[in-house]
Amino acid sequence: MQKQEPKPEKPERRRSKNPLASYARYSALAMQAGVLIAGGALGGLRIDRWLNFVFPVFTILLSLLAVAAAIWLLVRESNNKSTER
């Protein structure tokens, strides 16, 4: 029988020395999401005006696409292991 080697212990998560670091990180993510959503809505509005659409097709599509992109950004950054606290 082979002897099983003990698994190396996982290092403990280091907390940031600055208590405001997580606040700054998440407020930056919120700003990025807000700019992304506003950019999608304004871009869609401009395209609708440029094409003289009565119904705001591109405003709705780009707004929804921007919301989905913002959610993806928030999930990706919150799960990112390299930027742990």
Protein backbone atom coordinates (compact mmCIF):
# COMPACT_ATOMS: atom_id res chain seq x y z
CA MET A 1 0.00 0.00 0.00
CA GLN A 2 1.12 3.46 -0.77
CA LYS A 3 1.36 5.99 1.92
CA GLN A 4 -0.89 9.00 1.31
CA GLU A 5 0.82 12.30 1.61
CA PRO A 6 -1.01 14.93 3.62
CA LYS A 7 -2.60 17.66 1.57
CA PRO A 8 -0.94 21.02 1.92
CA GLU A 9 -2.98 23.41 3.98
CA LYS A 10 -4.60 26.29 2.22
CA PRO A 11 -3.12 29.63 3.18
CA GLU A 12 -5.47 31.84 5.09
CA ARG A 13 -6.96 34.76 3.24
CA ARG A 14 -5.10 37.90 3.99
CA ARG A 15 -7.26 40.83 4.84
CA SER A 16 -6.36 44.17 3.42
CA LYS A 17 -4.53 46.49 5.72
CA ASN A 18 -6.72 49.35 4.64
CA PRO A 19 -10.32 48.90 5.88
CA LEU A 20 -11.62 51.10 3.06
CA ALA A 21 -10.10 48.93 0.31
CA SER A 22 -13.20 46.79 -0.19
CA TYR A 23 -15.39 49.89 -0.12
CA ALA A 24 -13.27 51.46 -2.86
CA ARG A 25 -13.27 48.25 -4.89
CA TYR A 26 -17.05 47.83 -4.86
CA SER A 27 -17.79 51.50 -5.40
CA ALA A 28 -15.51 51.41 -8.45
CA LEU A 29 -17.44 48.39 -9.73
CA ALA A 30 -20.72 50.24 -9.20
CA MET A 31 -19.40 53.25 -11.12
CA GLN A 32 -18.26 51.03 -13.99
CA ALA A 33 -21.66 49.34 -14.13
CA GLY A 34 -23.47 52.69 -14.08
CA VAL A 35 -21.33 54.12 -16.87
CA LEU A 36 -21.79 50.96 -18.91
CA ILE A 37 -25.59 51.05 -18.58
CA ALA A 38 -25.80 54.80 -19.25
CA GLY A 39 -23.55 54.41 -22.29
CA GLY A 40 -25.75 51.67 -23.68
CA ALA A 41 -28.92 53.68 -23.17
CA LEU A 42 -27.47 56.87 -24.65
CA GLY A 43 -25.91 54.99 -27.56
CA GLY A 44 -29.23 53.33 -28.33
CA LEU A 45 -31.02 56.66 -28.14
CA ARG A 46 -28.57 58.22 -30.59
CA ILE A 47 -28.93 55.33 -33.04
CA ASP A 48 -32.73 55.54 -32.84
CA ARG A 49 -32.64 59.28 -33.51
CA TRP A 50 -30.14 58.83 -36.35
CA LEU A 51 -32.34 56.21 -38.04
CA ASN A 52 -35.54 58.17 -37.26
CA PHE A 53 -37.25 55.24 -35.54
CA VAL A 54 -40.56 55.99 -33.83
CA PHE A 55 -40.26 52.99 -31.51
CA PRO A 56 -36.96 53.00 -29.52
CA VAL A 57 -35.68 49.60 -30.67
CA PHE A 58 -31.98 50.24 -30.22
CA THR A 59 -32.47 52.05 -26.94
CA ILE A 60 -34.19 49.01 -25.49
CA LEU A 61 -31.77 46.49 -27.01
CA LEU A 62 -28.60 48.31 -26.03
CA SER A 63 -29.93 49.07 -22.54
CA LEU A 64 -30.69 45.40 -21.92
CA LEU A 65 -27.36 44.37 -23.40
CA ALA A 66 -25.56 46.88 -21.16
CA VAL A 67 -27.39 45.60 -18.07
CA ALA A 68 -26.39 42.03 -18.93
CA ALA A 69 -22.78 43.15 -19.47
CA ALA A 70 -22.79 45.01 -16.14
CA ILE A 71 -24.09 41.94 -14.31
CA TRP A 72 -21.43 39.81 -15.99
CA LEU A 73 -18.77 42.34 -14.98
CA LEU A 74 -19.94 42.36 -11.36
CA VAL A 75 -20.06 38.57 -11.13
CA ARG A 76 -16.66 38.17 -12.78
CA GLU A 77 -15.00 40.73 -10.53
CA SER A 78 -16.60 39.46 -7.34
CA ASN A 79 -15.40 35.92 -8.11
CA ASN A 80 -11.95 36.99 -9.22
CA LYS A 81 -9.42 35.22 -7.03
CA SER A 82 -6.48 37.43 -7.94
CA THR A 83 -8.04 40.52 -6.38
CA GLU A 84 -9.04 38.95 -3.09
CA ARG A 85 -9.10 41.17 -0.05
